[in-house]
PDB file of N, CA and C in Angstrom:
ATOM      1  N   MET A   1      23.630 -18.923   7.478  1.00  0.00           N
ATOM      2  CA  MET A   1      25.432 -18.592   7.422  1.00  0.00           C
ATOM      3  C   MET A   1      25.670 -18.244   8.975  1.00  0.00           C
ATOM      4  N   LYS A   2      26.908 -18.449   9.374  1.00  0.00           N
ATOM      5  CA  LYS A   2      27.466 -18.098  10.866  1.00  0.00           C
ATOM      6  C   LYS A   2      27.650 -16.631  10.658  1.00  0.00           C
ATOM      7  N   LEU A   3      27.121 -15.738  11.751  1.00  0.00           N
ATOM      8  CA  LEU A   3      27.575 -14.235  11.703  1.00  0.00           C
ATOM      9  C   LEU A   3      29.032 -14.231  12.720  1.00  0.00           C
ATOM     10  N   THR A   4      29.546 -13.175  12.531  1.00  0.00           N
ATOM     11  CA  THR A   4      30.686 -12.470  14.020  1.00  0.00           C
ATOM     12  C   THR A   4      29.909 -12.225  15.268  1.00  0.00           C
ATOM     13  N   LYS A   5      29.923 -12.215  16.585  1.00  0.00           N
ATOM     14  CA  LYS A   5      29.382 -11.498  17.196  1.00  0.00           C
ATOM     15  C   LYS A   5      29.560 -10.362  17.190  1.00  0.00           C
ATOM     16  N   LYS A   6      30.326  -9.580  16.439  1.00  0.00           N
ATOM     17  CA  LYS A   6      30.281  -8.011  16.213  1.00  0.00           C
ATOM     18  C   LYS A   6      28.780  -7.904  15.018  1.00  0.00           C
ATOM     19  N   LYS A   7      28.844  -8.586  13.779  1.00  0.00           N
ATOM     20  CA  LYS A   7      27.831  -8.602  12.876  1.00  0.00           C
ATOM     21  C   LYS A   7      26.466  -8.910  13.312  1.00  0.00           C
ATOM     22  N   GLU A   8      26.421  -9.705  14.170  1.00  0.00           N
ATOM     23  CA  GLU A   8      25.363 -10.011  14.985  1.00  0.00           C
ATOM     24  C   GLU A   8      24.488  -9.295  15.825  1.00  0.00           C
ATOM     25  N   LYS A   9      25.322  -8.445  16.703  1.00  0.00           N
ATOM     26  CA  LYS A   9      24.931  -7.092  17.372  1.00  0.00           C
ATOM     27  C   LYS A   9      24.684  -6.139  16.031  1.00  0.00           C
ATOM     28  N   GLU A  10      25.358  -5.992  15.503  1.00  0.00           N
ATOM     29  CA  GLU A  10      24.769  -4.696  14.144  1.00  0.00           C
ATOM     30  C   GLU A  10      24.058  -5.306  13.671  1.00  0.00           C
ATOM     31  N   PHE A  11      23.479  -5.963  12.997  1.00  0.00           N
ATOM     32  CA  PHE A  11      22.219  -6.519  12.361  1.00  0.00           C
ATOM     33  C   PHE A  11      21.192  -6.536  13.780  1.00  0.00           C
ATOM     34  N   LEU A  12      21.146  -7.078  14.629  1.00  0.00           N
ATOM     35  CA  LEU A  12      20.391  -7.127  15.543  1.00  0.00           C
ATOM     36  C   LEU A  12      19.669  -5.921  15.722  1.00  0.00           C
ATOM     37  N   GLU A  13      20.724  -4.595  16.048  1.00  0.00           N
ATOM     38  CA  GLU A  13      19.882  -3.359  15.970  1.00  0.00           C
ATOM     39  C   GLU A  13      19.505  -2.915  15.127  1.00  0.00           C
ATOM     40  N   LYS A  14      19.595  -3.508  13.664  1.00  0.00           N
ATOM     41  CA  LYS A  14      19.410  -2.674  12.454  1.00  0.00           C
ATOM     42  C   LYS A  14      18.016  -3.318  12.482  1.00  0.00           C
ATOM     43  N   ILE A  15      17.664  -4.600  12.698  1.00  0.00           N
ATOM     44  CA  ILE A  15      16.542  -5.537  12.263  1.00  0.00           C
ATOM     45  C   ILE A  15      15.524  -4.710  13.965  1.00  0.00           C
ATOM     46  N   ARG A  16      15.718  -4.717  14.869  1.00  0.00           N
ATOM     47  CA  ARG A  16      14.796  -4.214  15.660  1.00  0.00           C
ATOM     48  C   ARG A  16      14.720  -2.841  15.314  1.00  0.00           C
ATOM     49  N   THR A  17      15.681  -1.571  14.907  1.00  0.00           N
ATOM     50  CA  THR A  17      15.121  -0.593  14.710  1.00  0.00           C
ATOM     51  C   THR A  17      13.860  -0.742  13.186  1.00  0.00           C
ATOM     52  N   ILE A  18      14.485  -1.377  12.311  1.00  0.00           N
ATOM     53  CA  ILE A  18      13.309  -1.774  11.307  1.00  0.00           C
ATOM     54  C   ILE A  18      11.970  -1.987  11.865  1.00  0.00           C
ATOM     55  N   LYS A  19      11.735  -3.062  12.719  1.00  0.00           N
ATOM     56  CA  LYS A  19      10.621  -3.528  13.234  1.00  0.00           C
ATOM     57  C   LYS A  19       9.727  -2.021  14.256  1.00  0.00           C
ATOM     58  N   GLU A  20      10.800  -1.809  14.876  1.00  0.00           N
ATOM     59  CA  GLU A  20      10.614  -0.073  15.464  1.00  0.00           C
ATOM     60  C   GLU A  20       9.957   0.553  14.224  1.00  0.00           C
ATOM     61  N   LEU A  21       9.655   0.752  13.595  1.00  0.00           N
ATOM     62  CA  LEU A  21       9.839   1.784  12.380  1.00  0.00           C
ATOM     63  C   LEU A  21       8.677   1.252  11.974  1.00  0.00           C
ATOM     64  N   GLU A  22       9.151   0.172  11.464  1.00  0.00           N
ATOM     65  CA  GLU A  22       7.886  -0.082  10.744  1.00  0.00           C
ATOM     66  C   GLU A  22       6.065  -0.216  11.521  1.00  0.00           C
ATOM     67  N   GLN A  23       6.143  -0.299  13.179  1.00  0.00           N
ATOM     68  CA  GLN A  23       5.100  -0.185  13.765  1.00  0.00           C
ATOM     69  C   GLN A  23       4.517   0.982  13.898  1.00  0.00           C
ATOM     70  N   GLN A  24       5.597   2.120  13.951  1.00  0.00           N
ATOM     71  CA  GLN A  24       5.798   3.509  13.868  1.00  0.00           C
ATOM     72  C   GLN A  24       4.566   4.019  12.736  1.00  0.00           C
ATOM     73  N   LYS A  25       5.210   3.412  11.387  1.00  0.00           N
ATOM     74  CA  LYS A  25       4.604   3.586  10.572  1.00  0.00           C
ATOM     75  C   LYS A  25       2.984   3.306  10.259  1.00  0.00           C
ATOM     76  N   LYS A  26       2.916   2.062  10.782  1.00  0.00           N
ATOM     77  CA  LYS A  26       1.431   1.002  10.867  1.00  0.00           C
ATOM     78  C   LYS A  26       0.791   2.100  11.433  1.00  0.00           C
ATOM     79  N   GLN A  27       1.143   2.993  12.560  1.00  0.00           N
ATOM     80  CA  GLN A  27       0.486   3.095  13.401  1.00  0.00           C
ATOM     81  C   GLN A  27      -0.051   4.948  12.933  1.00  0.00           C
ATOM     82  N   ALA A  28       0.909   5.497  12.200  1.00  0.00           N
ATOM     83  CA  ALA A  28       0.858   6.369  11.413  1.00  0.00           C
ATOM     84  C   ALA A  28      -0.102   6.323  10.257  1.00  0.00           C
ATOM     85  N   ASP A  29      -0.052   5.524   9.460  1.00  0.00           N
ATOM     86  CA  ASP A  29      -1.071   5.312   8.012  1.00  0.00           C
ATOM     87  C   ASP A  29      -2.321   5.054   8.426  1.00  0.00           C
ATOM     88  N   GLU A  30      -2.684   4.462  10.390  1.00  0.00           N
ATOM     89  CA  GLU A  30      -3.766   4.306  10.905  1.00  0.00           C
ATOM     90  C   GLU A  30      -4.417   5.597  10.975  1.00  0.00           C
ATOM     91  N   LYS A  31      -3.963   6.385  11.575  1.00  0.00           N
ATOM     92  CA  LYS A  31      -3.862   7.641  12.046  1.00  0.00           C
ATOM     93  C   LYS A  31      -4.524   9.018  10.707  1.00  0.00           C
ATOM     94  N   ILE A  32      -3.619   8.444   9.669  1.00  0.00           N
ATOM     95  CA  ILE A  32      -3.859   9.091   8.274  1.00  0.00           C
ATOM     96  C   ILE A  32      -5.473   8.367   8.066  1.00  0.00           C
ATOM     97  N   ASP A  33      -5.662   7.482   7.731  1.00  0.00           N
ATOM     98  CA  ASP A  33      -6.885   7.139   7.730  1.00  0.00           C
ATOM     99  C   ASP A  33      -7.822   7.174   8.178  1.00  0.00           C
ATOM    100  N   GLU A  34      -7.577   7.502   9.737  1.00  0.00           N
ATOM    101  CA  GLU A  34      -9.253   7.794  10.616  1.00  0.00           C
ATOM    102  C   GLU A  34      -9.173   9.478  10.216  1.00  0.00           C
ATOM    103  N   LEU A  35      -7.774  10.169   9.676  1.00  0.00           N
ATOM    104  CA  LEU A  35      -8.123  11.635   9.832  1.00  0.00           C
ATOM    105  C   LEU A  35      -9.000  11.998   8.202  1.00  0.00           C
ATOM    106  N   LYS A  36      -8.887  11.308   7.045  1.00  0.00           N
ATOM    107  CA  LYS A  36      -8.651  11.164   5.925  1.00  0.00           C
ATOM    108  C   LYS A  36     -10.532  11.169   6.066  1.00  0.00           C
ATOM    109  N   GLY A  37     -10.638   9.615   6.771  1.00  0.00           N
ATOM    110  CA  GLY A  37     -12.222   9.116   6.953  1.00  0.00           C
ATOM    111  C   GLY A  37     -13.122  10.475   7.200  1.00  0.00           C
ATOM    112  N   ASP A  38     -12.827  10.838   8.493  1.00  0.00           N
ATOM    113  CA  ASP A  38     -13.497  12.256   8.964  1.00  0.00           C
ATOM    114  C   ASP A  38     -13.913  13.391   8.025  1.00  0.00           C
ATOM    115  N   ILE A  39     -12.749  13.660   7.525  1.00  0.00           N
ATOM    116  CA  ILE A  39     -12.658  14.631   6.330  1.00  0.00           C
ATOM    117  C   ILE A  39     -14.042  14.162   5.210  1.00  0.00           C
ATOM    118  N   LYS A  40     -13.522  13.134   4.655  1.00  0.00           N
ATOM    119  CA  LYS A  40     -14.291  12.495   3.676  1.00  0.00           C
ATOM    120  C   LYS A  40     -16.143  12.268   4.424  1.00  0.00           C
ATOM    121  N   ALA A  41     -16.202  11.910   5.425  1.00  0.00           N
ATOM    122  CA  ALA A  41     -17.528  11.727   5.686  1.00  0.00           C
ATOM    123  C   ALA A  41     -18.042  13.172   6.018  1.00  0.00           C
ATOM    124  N   TYR A  42     -17.738  14.331   6.365  1.00  0.00           N
ATOM    125  CA  TYR A  42     -17.914  15.301   6.192  1.00  0.00           C
ATOM    126  C   TYR A  42     -17.977  15.831   4.939  1.00  0.00           C
ATOM    127  N   MET A  43     -17.569  15.747   4.137  1.00  0.00           N
ATOM    128  CA  MET A  43     -17.709  16.027   2.601  1.00  0.00           C
ATOM    129  C   MET A  43     -18.848  15.221   1.705  1.00  0.00           C
ATOM    130  N   ASP A  44     -18.669  13.832   2.673  1.00  0.00           N
ATOM    131  CA  ASP A  44     -20.131  13.048   1.910  1.00  0.00           C
ATOM    132  C   ASP A  44     -21.467  14.016   2.375  1.00  0.00           C
ATOM    133  N   LYS A  45     -21.695  14.053   3.663  1.00  0.00           N
ATOM    134  CA  LYS A  45     -22.611  14.462   4.287  1.00  0.00           C
ATOM    135  C   LYS A  45     -23.110  16.099   3.741  1.00  0.00           C
ATOM    136  N   ASN A  46     -22.121  16.692   3.632  1.00  0.00           N
ATOM    137  CA  ASN A  46     -22.664  17.937   2.793  1.00  0.00           C
ATOM    138  C   ASN A  46     -22.364  18.167   1.335  1.00  0.00           C
ATOM    139  N   SER A  47     -22.358  16.474   0.715  1.00  0.00           N
ATOM    140  CA  SER A  47     -22.404  16.378  -0.663  1.00  0.00           C
ATOM    141  C   SER A  47     -21.200  17.340  -1.367  1.00  0.00           C
ATOM    142  N   THR A  48     -20.604  17.683  -0.960  1.00  0.00           N
ATOM    143  CA  THR A  48     -19.489  18.480  -1.158  1.00  0.00           C
ATOM    144  C   THR A  48     -18.435  17.729  -2.281  1.00  0.00           C
ATOM    145  N   SER A  49     -17.543  17.907  -3.077  1.00  0.00           N
ATOM    146  CA  SER A  49     -16.477  17.097  -3.879  1.00  0.00           C
ATOM    147  C   SER A  49     -15.034  18.036  -3.016  1.00  0.00           C
ATOM    148  N   GLU A  50     -15.515  19.414  -3.022  1.00  0.00           N
ATOM    149  CA  GLU A  50     -14.031  20.254  -2.756  1.00  0.00           C
ATOM    150  C   GLU A  50     -13.997  21.338  -1.721  1.00  0.00           C
ATOM    151  N   LEU A  51     -12.971  21.305  -1.304  1.00  0.00           N
ATOM    152  CA  LEU A  51     -13.352  21.804   0.048  1.00  0.00           C
ATOM    153  C   LEU A  51     -12.105  22.841   0.255  1.00  0.00           C
ATOM    154  N   THR A  52     -12.291  24.006   0.347  1.00  0.00           N
ATOM    155  CA  THR A  52     -10.857  24.969   0.827  1.00  0.00           C
ATOM    156  C   THR A  52     -10.717  25.177   2.138  1.00  0.00           C
ATOM    157  N   VAL A  53      -9.768  24.966   2.671  1.00  0.00           N
ATOM    158  CA  VAL A  53      -9.627  24.928   4.243  1.00  0.00           C
ATOM    159  C   VAL A  53      -8.324  25.982   3.993  1.00  0.00           C
ATOM    160  N   ASP A  54      -8.091  27.350   4.101  1.00  0.00           N
ATOM    161  CA  ASP A  54      -6.914  28.027   4.390  1.00  0.00           C
ATOM    162  C   ASP A  54      -6.129  27.882   2.998  1.00  0.00           C
ATOM    163  N   ILE A  55      -5.257  27.550   3.243  1.00  0.00           N
ATOM    164  CA  ILE A  55      -4.126  27.162   1.722  1.00  0.00           C
ATOM    165  C   ILE A  55      -4.595  26.003   1.289  1.00  0.00           C
ATOM    166  N   PHE A  56      -5.462  25.024   1.698  1.00  0.00           N
ATOM    167  CA  PHE A  56      -4.988  23.926   1.391  1.00  0.00           C
ATOM    168  C   PHE A  56      -6.533  23.772   0.526  1.00  0.00           C
ATOM    169  N   THR A  57      -6.501  23.181  -0.263  1.00  0.00           N
ATOM    170  CA  THR A  57      -8.142  22.507  -0.724  1.00  0.00           C
ATOM    171  C   THR A  57      -7.822  20.705  -1.387  1.00  0.00           C
ATOM    172  N   VAL A  58      -8.786  20.403  -0.377  1.00  0.00           N
ATOM    173  CA  VAL A  58      -8.999  19.112  -0.586  1.00  0.00           C
ATOM    174  C   VAL A  58      -9.972  18.678  -1.470  1.00  0.00           C
ATOM    175  N   HIS A  59      -9.794  17.865  -2.305  1.00  0.00           N
ATOM    176  CA  HIS A  59     -10.853  17.142  -3.545  1.00  0.00           C
ATOM    177  C   HIS A  59     -10.949  15.510  -2.975  1.00  0.00           C
ATOM    178  N   TYR A  60     -12.304  15.222  -3.106  1.00  0.00           N
ATOM    179  CA  TYR A  60     -12.793  14.193  -2.946  1.00  0.00           C
ATOM    180  C   TYR A  60     -13.883  13.075  -3.921  1.00  0.00           C
ATOM    181  N   THR A  61     -13.080  13.021  -5.205  1.00  0.00           N
ATOM    182  CA  THR A  61     -14.396  12.786  -6.455  1.00  0.00           C
ATOM    183  C   THR A  61     -14.587  11.167  -6.658  1.00  0.00           C
ATOM    184  N   GLU A  62     -15.720  11.048  -7.518  1.00  0.00           N
ATOM    185  CA  GLU A  62     -15.496   9.763  -7.650  1.00  0.00           C
ATOM    186  C   GLU A  62     -14.570   9.532  -9.305  1.00  0.00           C
ATOM    187  N   ILE A  63     -14.219   8.677  -9.493  1.00  0.00           N
ATOM    188  CA  ILE A  63     -13.237   8.420 -10.705  1.00  0.00           C
ATOM    189  C   ILE A  63     -13.492   7.238 -11.386  1.00  0.00           C
ATOM    190  N   GLU A  64     -14.167   6.830 -12.667  1.00  0.00           N
ATOM    191  CA  GLU A  64     -14.258   5.685 -13.002  1.00  0.00           C
ATOM    192  C   GLU A  64     -12.951   5.232 -13.675  1.00  0.00           C
ATOM    193  N   THR A  65     -12.504   3.907 -13.659  1.00  0.00           N
ATOM    194  CA  THR A  65     -11.207   3.464 -13.715  1.00  0.00           C
ATOM    195  C   THR A  65     -11.559   1.979 -15.024  1.00  0.00           C
ATOM    196  N   GLU A  66     -10.725   1.362 -16.205  1.00  0.00           N
ATOM    197  CA  GLU A  66     -10.992   0.285 -16.473  1.00  0.00           C
ATOM    198  C   GLU A  66      -9.766  -0.197 -16.457  1.00  0.00           C
ATOM    199  N   ARG A  67     -10.072  -1.378 -15.947  1.00  0.00           N
ATOM    200  CA  ARG A  67      -8.713  -2.636 -15.524  1.00  0.00           C
ATOM    201  C   ARG A  67      -9.023  -4.183 -16.617  1.00  0.00           C
ATOM    202  N   PHE A  68      -7.733  -4.251 -17.060  1.00  0.00           N
ATOM    203  CA  PHE A  68      -7.934  -5.505 -17.235  1.00  0.00           C
ATOM    204  C   PHE A  68      -8.169  -6.661 -16.687  1.00  0.00           C
ATOM    205  N   ASP A  69      -9.265  -7.766 -17.069  1.00  0.00           N
ATOM    206  CA  ASP A  69      -9.879  -9.007 -15.950  1.00  0.00           C
ATOM    207  C   ASP A  69      -9.107 -10.069 -16.770  1.00  0.00           C
ATOM    208  N   SER A  70      -8.082 -10.334 -15.909  1.00  0.00           N
ATOM    209  CA  SER A  70      -7.406 -11.609 -16.475  1.00  0.00           C
ATOM    210  C   SER A  70      -7.772 -12.725 -16.028  1.00  0.00           C
ATOM    211  N   LYS A  71      -8.658 -12.844 -14.778  1.00  0.00           N
ATOM    212  CA  LYS A  71      -9.336 -13.758 -14.559  1.00  0.00           C
ATOM    213  C   LYS A  71      -9.966 -14.232 -15.325  1.00  0.00           C
ATOM    214  N   ALA A  72     -10.969 -13.642 -15.990  1.00  0.00           N
ATOM    215  CA  ALA A  72     -11.949 -13.506 -17.102  1.00  0.00           C
ATOM    216  C   ALA A  72     -11.069 -13.949 -18.197  1.00  0.00           C
ATOM    217  N   LEU A  73     -10.084 -13.595 -18.872  1.00  0.00           N
ATOM    218  CA  LEU A  73      -9.823 -14.026 -19.598  1.00  0.00           C
ATOM    219  C   LEU A  73      -9.075 -15.542 -19.880  1.00  0.00           C
ATOM    220  N   LYS A  74      -8.936 -16.094 -18.412  1.00  0.00           N
ATOM    221  CA  LYS A  74      -8.645 -16.753 -18.069  1.00  0.00           C
ATOM    222  C   LYS A  74      -9.492 -18.098 -18.271  1.00  0.00           C
ATOM    223  N   ALA A  75     -10.274 -17.925 -18.041  1.00  0.00           N
ATOM    224  CA  ALA A  75     -11.630 -18.623 -17.889  1.00  0.00           C
ATOM    225  C   ALA A  75     -12.119 -18.688 -18.998  1.00  0.00           C
ATOM    226  N   ALA A  76     -12.337 -17.774 -19.399  1.00  0.00           N
ATOM    227  CA  ALA A  76     -12.901 -17.723 -21.151  1.00  0.00           C
ATOM    228  C   ALA A  76     -11.881 -18.613 -22.597  1.00  0.00           C
ATOM    229  N   ASP A  77     -10.727 -18.096 -22.371  1.00  0.00           N
ATOM    230  CA  ASP A  77      -9.596 -19.113 -23.111  1.00  0.00           C
ATOM    231  C   ASP A  77      -8.591 -19.017 -22.632  1.00  0.00           C
ATOM    232  N   GLU A  78      -8.600 -19.966 -21.635  1.00  0.00           N
ATOM    233  CA  GLU A  78      -6.769 -19.910 -21.517  1.00  0.00           C
ATOM    234  C   GLU A  78      -5.728 -20.403 -22.148  1.00  0.00           C
ATOM    235  N   GLU A  79      -5.837 -20.565 -23.534  1.00  0.00           N
ATOM    236  CA  GLU A  79      -4.993 -20.769 -24.371  1.00  0.00           C
ATOM    237  C   GLU A  79      -4.195 -19.806 -24.616  1.00  0.00           C
ATOM    238  N   LEU A  80      -5.410 -18.352 -25.241  1.00  0.00           N
ATOM    239  CA  LEU A  80      -4.965 -16.917 -25.364  1.00  0.00           C
ATOM    240  C   LEU A  80      -4.384 -16.188 -24.143  1.00  0.00           C
ATOM    241  N   TYR A  81      -4.783 -17.018 -22.807  1.00  0.00           N
ATOM    242  CA  TYR A  81      -4.164 -16.177 -21.631  1.00  0.00           C
ATOM    243  C   TYR A  81      -2.578 -16.826 -21.395  1.00  0.00           C
ATOM    244  N   LYS A  82      -2.730 -17.999 -21.429  1.00  0.00           N
ATOM    245  CA  LYS A  82      -1.305 -18.331 -21.457  1.00  0.00           C
ATOM    246  C   LYS A  82      -0.258 -17.855 -22.230  1.00  0.00           C
ATOM    247  N   LYS A  83      -0.448 -17.484 -23.520  1.00  0.00           N
ATOM    248  CA  LYS A  83       0.008 -17.066 -25.121  1.00  0.00           C
ATOM    249  C   LYS A  83       0.613 -15.883 -24.510  1.00  0.00           C
ATOM    250  N   TYR A  84      -0.122 -14.794 -23.888  1.00  0.00           N
ATOM    251  CA  TYR A  84       0.507 -13.685 -23.158  1.00  0.00           C
ATOM    252  C   TYR A  84       1.018 -13.603 -21.641  1.00  0.00           C
ATOM    253  N   LEU A  85       1.386 -14.522 -21.315  1.00  0.00           N
ATOM    254  CA  LEU A  85       1.857 -14.735 -19.500  1.00  0.00           C
ATOM    255  C   LEU A  85       3.280 -14.751 -19.447  1.00  0.00           C
ATOM    256  N   LYS A  86       3.505 -13.369 -18.414  1.00  0.00           N
ATOM    257  CA  LYS A  86       4.915 -13.587 -18.651  1.00  0.00           C
ATOM    258  C   LYS A  86       5.265 -13.753 -17.389  1.00  0.00           C
ATOM    259  N   SER A  87       6.725 -14.502 -17.111  1.00  0.00           N
ATOM    260  CA  SER A  87       7.199 -14.820 -15.970  1.00  0.00           C
ATOM    261  C   SER A  87       8.088 -13.834 -15.606  1.00  0.00           C
ATOM    262  N   SER A  88       8.197 -13.131 -13.994  1.00  0.00           N
ATOM    263  CA  SER A  88       9.177 -12.453 -13.559  1.00  0.00           C
ATOM    264  C   SER A  88       9.909 -13.171 -12.371  1.00  0.00           C
ATOM    265  N   THR A  89      11.191 -12.724 -12.277  1.00  0.00           N
ATOM    266  CA  THR A  89      11.278 -13.045 -10.942  1.00  0.00           C
ATOM    267  C   THR A  89      11.711 -11.877 -10.538  1.00  0.00           C
ATOM    268  N   SER A  90      11.805 -11.801  -8.970  1.00  0.00           N
ATOM    269  CA  SER A  90      12.165 -10.759  -7.883  1.00  0.00           C
ATOM    270  C   SER A  90      12.434 -11.222  -6.567  1.00  0.00           C
ATOM    271  N   LYS A  91      13.428 -10.376  -5.781  1.00  0.00           N
ATOM    272  CA  LYS A  91      13.259 -10.920  -4.222  1.00  0.00           C
ATOM    273  C   LYS A  91      12.678 -10.383  -3.321  1.00  0.00           C
ATOM    274  N   ARG A  92      11.880 -10.633  -2.335  1.00  0.00           N
ATOM    275  CA  ARG A  92      11.531 -10.389  -1.162  1.00  0.00           C
ATOM    276  C   ARG A  92      12.399 -10.412   0.326  1.00  0.00           C
ATOM    277  N   PHE A  93      12.175  -9.250   0.719  1.00  0.00           N
ATOM    278  CA  PHE A  93      12.308  -9.433   1.985  1.00  0.00           C
ATOM    279  C   PHE A  93      11.783  -9.168   3.209  1.00  0.00           C
ATOM    280  N   SER A  94      12.213 -10.187   4.110  1.00  0.00           N
ATOM    281  CA  SER A  94      10.867  -9.991   5.109  1.00  0.00           C
ATOM    282  C   SER A  94      11.906 -10.377   6.472  1.00  0.00           C
ATOM    283  N   ILE A  95      11.584  -9.756   7.802  1.00  0.00           N
ATOM    284  CA  ILE A  95      11.871 -10.061   8.925  1.00  0.00           C
ATOM    285  C   ILE A  95      10.409 -11.254   9.561  1.00  0.00           C
ATOM    286  N   THR A  96      10.945 -12.107   9.874  1.00  0.00           N
ATOM    287  CA  THR A  96       9.773 -12.531  11.289  1.00  0.00           C
ATOM    288  C   THR A  96      10.384 -13.137  12.203  1.00  0.00           C
TER     289      THR A  96
END
């Protein structure tokens, strides 16, 4: 699709803003993970699952979850797996 010069300039500015914000988000997420890691390490070292600091309470607890193993079902009974397989369609937005 051919864009007008005005639309091209408008979209270029939006795309550059998106890329810049994505980079900032990535850096913020990395910093958050680092800070959480420091707190988790302290809690592990001190064998505690709850930590109260000022008005905040930090919980770091072990939880158990159960998930359906679709790969195992497919390997064990592919016909049954296909019987309950659902297809869906979605759109993906990406900037390269």
